Amino acid sequence: MGSTKFGAYTIREALGAGGMASVHLADWRPLSGVPRRVALKRLFANVSNSDEIVAMFIDEARLARYLDHPNIAQVYEFGRLSGTYFIAFEYVQGPTVQQLQKQCEAHVGYIPVPVVLEIGIQLCDALHHAHNQVDEENLPLGIVHRDVSPQNLIVSNTGLVKLIDFGLAKAKQSSVESQSGMVKGKLHYVAPEYLEGELDVRCDLWAVGVVLWELVTGRHLFDSPDPFKMVDLVRNMPIPPASRYRAEVESELDDLLFKALARDPGKRWQTAQSLRAALAAHAKNYPVLTKSQLVTWVEWVFAQKQKAREDSGVSKLHDILESGVVHLVQEPAGGSSALAKLPAMEAAVEERRRESLAAMPVGEAMLARNRSAVRPWQIAVFVLLAIVGILVGVLLRRS
């Protein structure tokens, strides 16, 4: 595949697109500093004339510059080049938690509880950092991610769980006000009070509760193809204990999840830090899981191609913890892939790229289809020619 230049960036391949922007894998060679492989997000030209969309794009970059944490995908640069707004993000090498869910369901059974707890702890670390950011005048930014979900969590090749995509994040000082009644985020993970227009950091903690419940049980908490039914489930469905679907879940973890999923936000965990402390306390009931051991287990999961026993994933983690055998992966210089030593995870990353491209709702692919689509005047010409043909046929039969 050929490459193109965009300033200091060499564009390698498309990663995905949305309604406002495209994302490409690119190599960045800054004037000073180490070359990096990045995810380059660029605003589409056809929406650059919209003040609201440009303000939303700038807001995303503005908020991201306050976020400097190992569990959040970093923003390296933001700017405008030849009239195109862009953001250069850290390119996180590893599968999404959603991919991990699907792979476990298809091949190895339940995700071990220590793995779920480790994902939750690292996610809470990311949210604690984001929720507590202040501006230059030491005023709280009030950042709420609004889209905490398995699709936006990546298990990196170094064992760090990265929260990505602050594109829907809301802050007190946002340049654009949300439309009244407009809920942003995936309905599976949207807090009930947000459906009524109330939004604060506890909405993210509800989403954490849903994600962890689903990782533990291997099933969706709220599930319906009908969005109206989904809203009703989020508002009213009794929350079943995770132990109903998985006997090894202890009552302590049930209680922890119930508190995260309290519909009254006042009865929920009030901060990501308090939820993290509860998860860490429960994790002491299990052997210590290091980041290298997490990577080793995830690599094994994605190497499985046949359906195994329902407890095979749990058994494999036990073997890894007992043996002490781990994958040690360091990020190489020059932007080359550290996944070369982790072929199964590398294959999962390639699948993530394909899924992103297949799922793009609009963007370059849509615009290309529109450009090649039949125009209204062409349809009119076709219809007119058909009518003329019919009339000619009638006249010939009469003669």
Protein backbone atom coordinates (compact mmCIF):
# COMPACT_ATOMS: atom_id res chain seq x y z
CA MET A 1 0.00 0.00 0.00
CA GLY A 2 1.41 3.40 -0.99
CA SER A 3 1.99 6.28 1.41
CA THR A 4 1.22 9.99 1.22
CA LYS A 5 2.62 13.00 3.06
CA PHE A 6 0.72 15.35 5.35
CA GLY A 7 3.22 17.81 6.75
CA ALA A 8 5.51 15.89 9.09
CA TYR A 9 3.27 12.82 8.82
CA THR A 10 3.55 9.90 6.41
CA ILE A 11 0.08 8.40 6.00
CA ARG A 12 0.17 4.60 5.95
CA GLU A 13 -3.38 3.25 5.97
CA ALA A 14 -6.94 4.04 7.00
CA LEU A 15 -8.04 3.03 10.48
CA GLY A 16 -11.62 4.27 10.36
CA ALA A 17 -13.90 7.25 9.91
CA GLY A 18 -16.95 8.91 11.40
CA GLY A 19 -19.28 11.72 10.52
CA MET A 20 -16.71 14.45 11.11
CA ALA A 21 -13.27 13.00 10.60
CA SER A 22 -11.10 10.21 9.27
CA VAL A 23 -8.37 8.39 11.21
CA HIS A 24 -5.23 7.04 9.58
CA LEU A 25 -2.17 5.20 10.79
CA ALA A 26 0.78 7.50 10.21
CA ASP A 27 4.48 7.86 10.96
CA TRP A 28 5.33 11.19 12.59
CA ARG A 29 8.82 12.64 12.37
CA PRO A 30 8.86 15.81 14.49
CA LEU A 31 11.61 18.38 14.05
CA SER A 32 12.86 17.40 17.50
CA GLY A 33 12.14 14.23 19.38
CA VAL A 34 11.69 10.55 18.63
CA PRO A 35 9.73 9.44 15.53
CA ARG A 36 6.41 7.88 16.47
CA ARG A 37 3.63 5.86 14.91
CA VAL A 38 0.39 7.74 15.54
CA ALA A 39 -3.32 7.67 14.85
CA LEU A 40 -3.89 10.83 12.81
CA LYS A 41 -7.42 12.22 13.01
CA ARG A 42 -8.34 14.79 10.33
CA LEU A 43 -11.54 16.78 9.97
CA PHE A 44 -13.33 16.28 6.67
CA ALA A 45 -13.24 19.27 4.32
CA ASN A 46 -17.00 19.12 3.77
CA VAL A 47 -17.68 19.86 7.48
CA SER A 48 -14.89 22.38 8.06
CA ASN A 49 -17.27 25.25 7.29
CA SER A 50 -19.46 24.32 10.27
CA ASP A 51 -18.47 26.48 13.24
CA GLU A 52 -20.11 24.00 15.63
CA ILE A 53 -18.27 20.96 14.27
CA VAL A 54 -14.92 22.78 14.21
CA ALA A 55 -15.53 23.92 17.80
CA MET A 56 -16.28 20.30 18.84
CA PHE A 57 -13.08 19.10 17.17
CA ILE A 58 -11.04 21.83 18.86
CA ASP A 59 -12.70 21.01 22.19
CA GLU A 60 -11.56 17.39 21.87
CA ALA A 61 -7.97 18.51 21.31
CA ARG A 62 -8.16 21.17 24.03
CA LEU A 63 -9.40 18.69 26.63
CA ALA A 64 -6.91 16.04 25.55
CA ARG A 65 -3.92 18.33 26.21
CA TYR A 66 -4.81 18.27 29.92
CA LEU A 67 -4.77 14.46 29.97
CA ASP A 68 -1.33 13.00 30.60
CA HIS A 69 -1.71 9.55 32.11
CA PRO A 70 -0.42 6.08 31.19
CA ASN A 71 -3.98 4.71 31.02
CA ILE A 72 -5.18 7.36 28.55
CA ALA A 73 -4.14 7.45 24.90
CA GLN A 74 -1.94 10.52 24.62
CA VAL A 75 -2.37 13.46 22.26
CA TYR A 76 0.94 14.51 20.71
CA GLU A 77 -0.04 17.42 18.50
CA PHE A 78 -3.01 19.46 17.33
CA GLY A 79 -3.14 22.01 14.53
CA ARG A 80 -4.32 23.07 11.11
CA LEU A 81 -2.40 22.32 7.94
CA SER A 82 -3.46 23.52 4.49
CA GLY A 83 -6.91 24.25 5.88
CA THR A 84 -7.33 20.79 7.49
CA TYR A 85 -7.69 20.47 11.25
CA PHE A 86 -5.88 17.46 12.73
CA ILE A 87 -5.05 15.71 16.01
CA ALA A 88 -2.18 13.24 16.37
CA PHE A 89 -2.97 10.56 18.97
CA GLU A 90 -0.89 7.80 20.46
CA TYR A 91 -1.48 4.66 18.41
CA VAL A 92 -2.20 1.95 20.97
CA GLN A 93 -1.07 -1.51 19.86
CA GLY A 94 -3.42 -4.13 21.22
CA PRO A 95 -6.98 -5.48 21.00
CA THR A 96 -10.02 -3.73 22.40
CA VAL A 97 -11.75 -5.14 25.44
CA GLN A 98 -14.74 -5.77 23.16
CA GLN A 99 -12.54 -8.00 20.99
CA LEU A 100 -11.34 -9.78 24.13
CA GLN A 101 -14.95 -10.38 25.19
CA LYS A 102 -15.86 -11.86 21.81
CA GLN A 103 -12.75 -14.05 21.61
CA CYS A 104 -13.32 -15.45 25.10
CA GLU A 105 -16.98 -16.13 24.37
CA ALA A 106 -16.09 -17.95 21.15
CA HIS A 107 -13.10 -19.97 22.35
CA VAL A 108 -12.05 -19.96 26.02
CA GLY A 109 -15.07 -19.20 28.21
CA TYR A 110 -15.17 -16.78 31.12
CA ILE A 111 -12.65 -13.98 31.58
CA PRO A 112 -10.87 -14.69 34.89
CA VAL A 113 -11.99 -12.43 37.74
CA PRO A 114 -8.41 -11.14 38.38
CA VAL A 115 -8.26 -9.98 34.75
CA VAL A 116 -11.62 -8.20 35.09
CA LEU A 117 -10.45 -6.51 38.30
CA GLU A 118 -7.18 -5.40 36.70
CA ILE A 119 -9.05 -3.87 33.75
CA GLY A 120 -11.40 -2.11 36.16
CA ILE A 121 -8.58 -0.77 38.34
CA GLN A 122 -6.70 0.67 35.37
CA LEU A 123 -9.90 2.15 33.91
CA CYS A 124 -10.65 3.86 37.23
CA ASP A 125 -7.10 5.25 37.27
CA ALA A 126 -7.75 6.81 33.86
CA LEU A 127 -11.10 8.28 34.91
CA HIS A 128 -9.76 9.60 38.22
CA HIS A 129 -7.13 11.52 36.26
CA ALA A 130 -9.65 12.90 33.75
CA HIS A 131 -12.34 13.77 36.30
CA ASN A 132 -9.94 15.78 38.47
CA GLN A 133 -8.25 17.95 35.87
CA VAL A 134 -8.17 21.72 36.39
CA ASP A 135 -7.44 24.57 34.01
CA GLU A 136 -4.67 27.17 34.17
CA GLU A 137 -6.61 29.08 36.83
CA ASN A 138 -6.95 25.94 38.94
CA LEU A 139 -10.68 25.68 38.19
CA PRO A 140 -12.15 22.16 37.76
CA LEU A 141 -12.66 21.25 34.12
CA GLY A 142 -15.46 18.83 34.99
CA ILE A 143 -14.51 16.33 32.27
CA VAL A 144 -16.99 13.47 31.74
CA HIS A 145 -15.99 10.90 29.12
CA ARG A 146 -19.62 9.92 28.24
CA ASP A 147 -18.58 6.90 26.16
CA VAL A 148 -16.89 4.44 28.53
CA SER A 149 -17.43 1.09 26.82
CA PRO A 150 -15.49 -2.05 25.80
CA GLN A 151 -14.96 -0.54 22.32
CA ASN A 152 -13.05 2.37 23.86
CA LEU A 153 -10.73 0.29 26.03
CA ILE A 154 -7.58 -1.26 24.60
CA VAL A 155 -5.33 -3.80 26.30
CA SER A 156 -1.94 -2.67 25.05
CA ASN A 157 1.03 -4.91 24.33
CA THR A 158 2.67 -3.63 27.53
CA GLY A 159 -0.24 -4.62 29.76
CA LEU A 160 -1.58 -1.10 30.15
CA VAL A 161 -5.32 -0.71 29.65
CA LYS A 162 -5.86 2.49 27.66
CA LEU A 163 -9.03 4.58 27.60
CA ILE A 164 -9.42 6.13 24.16
CA ASP A 165 -11.75 8.48 22.27
CA PHE A 166 -12.57 11.58 24.30
CA GLY A 167 -14.44 12.86 21.24
CA LEU A 168 -17.75 12.80 23.15
CA ALA A 169 -16.24 14.08 26.40
CA LYS A 170 -18.06 16.98 28.04
CA ALA A 171 -16.46 19.69 30.14
CA LYS A 172 -17.84 22.72 31.93
CA GLN A 173 -15.94 25.04 29.59
CA SER A 174 -16.94 23.35 26.32
CA SER A 175 -17.19 25.70 23.34
CA VAL A 176 -20.42 24.06 22.16
CA GLU A 177 -23.50 23.39 24.24
CA SER A 178 -25.12 19.97 23.83
CA GLN A 179 -28.49 19.99 22.13
CA SER A 180 -31.36 19.69 24.55
CA GLY A 181 -32.51 16.10 24.88
CA MET A 182 -29.50 14.77 22.95
CA VAL A 183 -27.83 11.79 24.64
CA LYS A 184 -24.32 11.00 23.43
CA GLY A 185 -22.80 7.59 24.02
CA LYS A 186 -23.85 3.96 23.64
CA LEU A 187 -27.23 3.17 25.22
CA HIS A 188 -25.90 -0.09 26.73
CA TYR A 189 -23.66 1.99 29.00
CA VAL A 190 -25.58 5.27 29.46
CA ALA A 191 -26.53 6.11 33.06
CA PRO A 192 -30.26 6.45 33.79
CA GLU A 193 -29.96 10.05 35.06
CA TYR A 194 -28.20 11.05 31.84
CA LEU A 195 -31.33 9.95 29.97
CA GLU A 196 -33.09 12.70 31.97
CA GLY A 197 -30.44 15.29 31.08
CA GLU A 198 -28.34 15.09 34.26
CA LEU A 199 -24.63 14.60 33.68
CA ASP A 200 -21.64 14.41 36.00
CA VAL A 201 -18.68 12.08 36.64
CA ARG A 202 -20.94 9.48 38.27
CA CYS A 203 -22.36 8.74 34.80
CA ASP A 204 -18.93 7.38 33.85
CA LEU A 205 -18.89 5.24 37.02
CA TRP A 206 -22.24 3.70 36.06
CA ALA A 207 -20.67 2.77 32.71
CA VAL A 208 -17.72 1.19 34.53
CA GLY A 209 -20.20 -0.88 36.52
CA VAL A 210 -21.94 -2.10 33.36
CA VAL A 211 -18.61 -2.95 31.68
CA LEU A 212 -17.36 -4.92 34.70
CA TRP A 213 -20.69 -6.76 35.16
CA GLU A 214 -20.56 -7.83 31.50
CA LEU A 215 -16.91 -8.90 31.68
CA VAL A 216 -17.59 -11.04 34.74
CA THR A 217 -20.76 -12.69 33.42
CA GLY A 218 -19.92 -12.91 29.72
CA ARG A 219 -23.30 -11.44 28.74
CA HIS A 220 -24.95 -8.07 28.11
CA LEU A 221 -26.62 -6.44 31.08
CA PHE A 222 -29.11 -4.45 29.00
CA ASP A 223 -29.83 -5.90 25.59
CA SER A 224 -32.49 -5.07 23.02
CA PRO A 225 -32.39 -4.13 19.32
CA ASP A 226 -35.11 -1.56 20.02
CA PRO A 227 -33.60 1.68 21.38
CA PHE A 228 -36.87 2.59 23.14
CA LYS A 229 -36.89 -0.80 24.86
CA MET A 230 -33.23 -0.32 25.73
CA VAL A 231 -34.00 3.00 27.43
CA ASP A 232 -36.75 1.30 29.43
CA LEU A 233 -34.37 -1.47 30.51
CA VAL A 234 -31.74 1.04 31.65
CA ARG A 235 -34.35 2.92 33.65
CA ASN A 236 -36.33 0.07 35.17
CA MET A 237 -34.87 -3.44 34.78
CA PRO A 238 -33.92 -5.02 38.13
CA ILE A 239 -30.14 -5.56 38.19
CA PRO A 240 -29.39 -9.28 38.69
CA PRO A 241 -26.33 -10.28 40.72
CA ALA A 242 -23.37 -11.36 38.61
CA SER A 243 -23.18 -14.51 40.74
CA ARG A 244 -26.49 -15.66 39.24
CA TYR A 245 -24.62 -16.36 36.00
CA ARG A 246 -21.23 -17.31 37.46
CA ALA A 247 -21.07 -19.25 40.70
CA GLU A 248 -17.46 -18.34 41.54
CA VAL A 249 -18.35 -14.64 41.90
CA GLU A 250 -18.16 -13.74 45.58
CA SER A 251 -20.83 -11.71 47.39
CA GLU A 252 -18.28 -8.93 47.93
CA LEU A 253 -17.97 -8.44 44.18
CA ASP A 254 -21.75 -8.59 43.76
CA ASP A 255 -22.12 -5.80 46.32
CA LEU A 256 -19.39 -3.74 44.68
CA LEU A 257 -21.15 -3.96 41.32
CA PHE A 258 -24.57 -3.25 42.82
CA LYS A 259 -23.21 0.00 44.25
CA ALA A 260 -21.71 0.96 40.88
CA LEU A 261 -25.11 0.28 39.29
CA ALA A 262 -27.26 2.15 41.79
CA ARG A 263 -29.84 4.12 39.80
CA ASP A 264 -29.77 6.89 42.38
CA PRO A 265 -26.40 8.56 41.68
CA GLY A 266 -26.24 9.63 45.33
CA LYS A 267 -26.02 5.95 46.34
CA ARG A 268 -23.41 5.11 43.71
CA TRP A 269 -19.65 5.25 44.07
CA GLN A 270 -19.00 9.00 44.12
CA THR A 271 -15.50 9.00 42.64
CA ALA A 272 -13.41 6.78 40.41
CA GLN A 273 -10.84 6.68 43.21
CA SER A 274 -13.33 5.14 45.67
CA LEU A 275 -14.43 2.52 43.13
CA ARG A 276 -10.80 1.75 42.36
CA ALA A 277 -10.05 1.24 46.07
CA ALA A 278 -12.93 -1.23 46.34
CA LEU A 279 -11.72 -3.17 43.29
CA ALA A 280 -8.14 -3.25 44.59
CA ALA A 281 -9.33 -4.48 47.99
CA HIS A 282 -11.27 -7.32 46.37
CA ALA A 283 -8.29 -8.17 44.13
CA LYS A 284 -6.33 -9.07 47.28
CA ASN A 285 -8.46 -12.22 47.44
CA TYR A 286 -6.62 -13.46 44.32
CA PRO A 287 -2.96 -13.95 43.35
CA VAL A 288 -1.21 -10.79 42.17
CA LEU A 289 -1.53 -10.31 38.40
CA THR A 290 1.31 -8.37 36.79
CA LYS A 291 1.01 -6.48 33.52
CA SER A 292 3.38 -8.93 31.82
CA GLN A 293 1.23 -11.85 32.95
CA LEU A 294 -1.85 -10.04 31.65
CA VAL A 295 -0.18 -9.70 28.22
CA THR A 296 0.81 -13.37 28.27
CA TRP A 297 -2.76 -14.42 28.99
CA VAL A 298 -4.28 -12.10 26.34
CA GLU A 299 -1.78 -13.38 23.74
CA TRP A 300 -2.81 -16.96 24.59
CA VAL A 301 -6.51 -16.07 24.30
CA PHE A 302 -6.15 -14.70 20.78
CA ALA A 303 -4.05 -17.69 19.71
CA GLN A 304 -6.98 -20.05 20.38
CA LYS A 305 -8.93 -21.09 17.28
CA GLN A 306 -11.05 -23.98 18.59
CA LYS A 307 -13.84 -23.95 21.16
CA ALA A 308 -12.44 -25.12 24.51
CA ARG A 309 -13.89 -25.79 27.95
CA GLU A 310 -15.82 -22.97 29.59
CA ASP A 311 -13.15 -22.68 32.28
CA SER A 312 -10.12 -22.96 29.99
CA GLY A 313 -9.34 -19.23 30.20
CA VAL A 314 -9.44 -19.37 33.99
CA SER A 315 -7.23 -22.50 34.03
CA LYS A 316 -4.69 -20.92 31.68
CA LEU A 317 -4.35 -17.85 33.89
CA HIS A 318 -3.76 -20.14 36.87
CA ASP A 319 -0.98 -21.90 34.92
CA ILE A 320 0.62 -18.55 34.00
CA LEU A 321 0.54 -17.33 37.58
CA GLU A 322 2.01 -20.61 38.82
CA SER A 323 4.74 -20.91 36.17
CA GLY A 324 5.90 -17.30 36.15
CA VAL A 325 6.37 -17.46 32.35
CA VAL A 326 5.59 -14.08 30.81
CA HIS A 327 5.98 -12.07 27.61
CA LEU A 328 8.28 -9.09 28.15
CA VAL A 329 7.66 -6.54 25.41
CA GLN A 330 9.36 -3.17 25.16
CA GLU A 331 8.32 -0.42 22.77
CA PRO A 332 10.97 -0.25 20.02
CA ALA A 333 12.43 2.99 18.72
CA GLY A 334 11.50 4.32 15.31
CA GLY A 335 7.82 3.43 15.39
CA SER A 336 8.17 -0.22 14.38
CA SER A 337 5.65 -2.66 15.76
CA ALA A 338 6.31 -4.16 19.20
CA LEU A 339 3.66 -6.74 18.39
CA ALA A 340 6.10 -8.75 16.29
CA LYS A 341 6.72 -10.91 19.39
CA LEU A 342 2.97 -11.25 19.98
CA PRO A 343 1.55 -12.61 16.70
CA ALA A 344 -1.94 -13.38 18.05
CA MET A 345 -2.37 -9.87 19.45
CA GLU A 346 -0.98 -8.44 16.22
CA ALA A 347 -3.63 -10.36 14.28
CA ALA A 348 -6.28 -8.96 16.65
CA VAL A 349 -5.06 -5.42 15.93
CA GLU A 350 -5.37 -6.07 12.19
CA GLU A 351 -8.91 -7.31 12.78
CA ARG A 352 -9.66 -4.15 14.78
CA ARG A 353 -8.60 -2.05 11.80
CA ARG A 354 -10.83 -4.03 9.45
CA GLU A 355 -13.81 -3.76 11.81
CA SER A 356 -13.31 -0.01 12.16
CA LEU A 357 -13.32 0.45 8.40
CA ALA A 358 -16.33 -1.81 7.91
CA ALA A 359 -18.29 0.05 10.60
CA MET A 360 -17.66 3.58 9.36
CA PRO A 361 -21.11 5.17 8.93
CA VAL A 362 -20.02 8.08 6.77
CA GLY A 363 -16.77 9.69 5.78
CA GLU A 364 -14.45 9.17 2.90
CA ALA A 365 -15.99 5.85 1.85
CA MET A 366 -19.50 7.31 2.00
CA LEU A 367 -18.42 10.42 0.13
CA ALA A 368 -16.82 8.26 -2.53
CA ARG A 369 -20.03 6.29 -2.91
CA ASN A 370 -21.96 9.53 -3.16
CA ARG A 371 -19.62 10.82 -5.83
CA SER A 372 -20.14 7.68 -7.89
CA ALA A 373 -23.88 7.48 -7.24
CA VAL A 374 -26.45 8.19 -9.95
CA ARG A 375 -27.46 11.87 -9.96
CA PRO A 376 -31.14 13.02 -10.12
CA TRP A 377 -30.67 14.50 -13.61
CA GLN A 378 -29.32 11.12 -14.78
CA ILE A 379 -32.44 9.38 -13.46
CA ALA A 380 -34.62 11.97 -15.26
CA VAL A 381 -32.79 11.29 -18.55
CA PHE A 382 -33.25 7.51 -18.10
CA VAL A 383 -36.98 7.96 -17.47
CA LEU A 384 -37.38 10.29 -20.46
CA LEU A 385 -35.57 7.83 -22.76
CA ALA A 386 -37.80 5.01 -21.54
CA ILE A 387 -40.96 7.05 -22.28
CA VAL A 388 -39.68 7.92 -25.75
CA GLY A 389 -38.96 4.24 -26.39
CA ILE A 390 -42.49 3.27 -25.37
CA LEU A 391 -44.04 5.96 -27.62
CA VAL A 392 -41.92 4.89 -30.58
CA GLY A 393 -43.02 1.29 -30.05
CA VAL A 394 -46.71 2.30 -30.00
CA LEU A 395 -46.37 4.37 -33.20
CA LEU A 396 -44.63 1.52 -34.98
CA ARG A 397 -47.37 -0.93 -34.06
CA ARG A 398 -50.05 1.47 -35.32
CA SER A 399 -48.26 1.92 -38.62
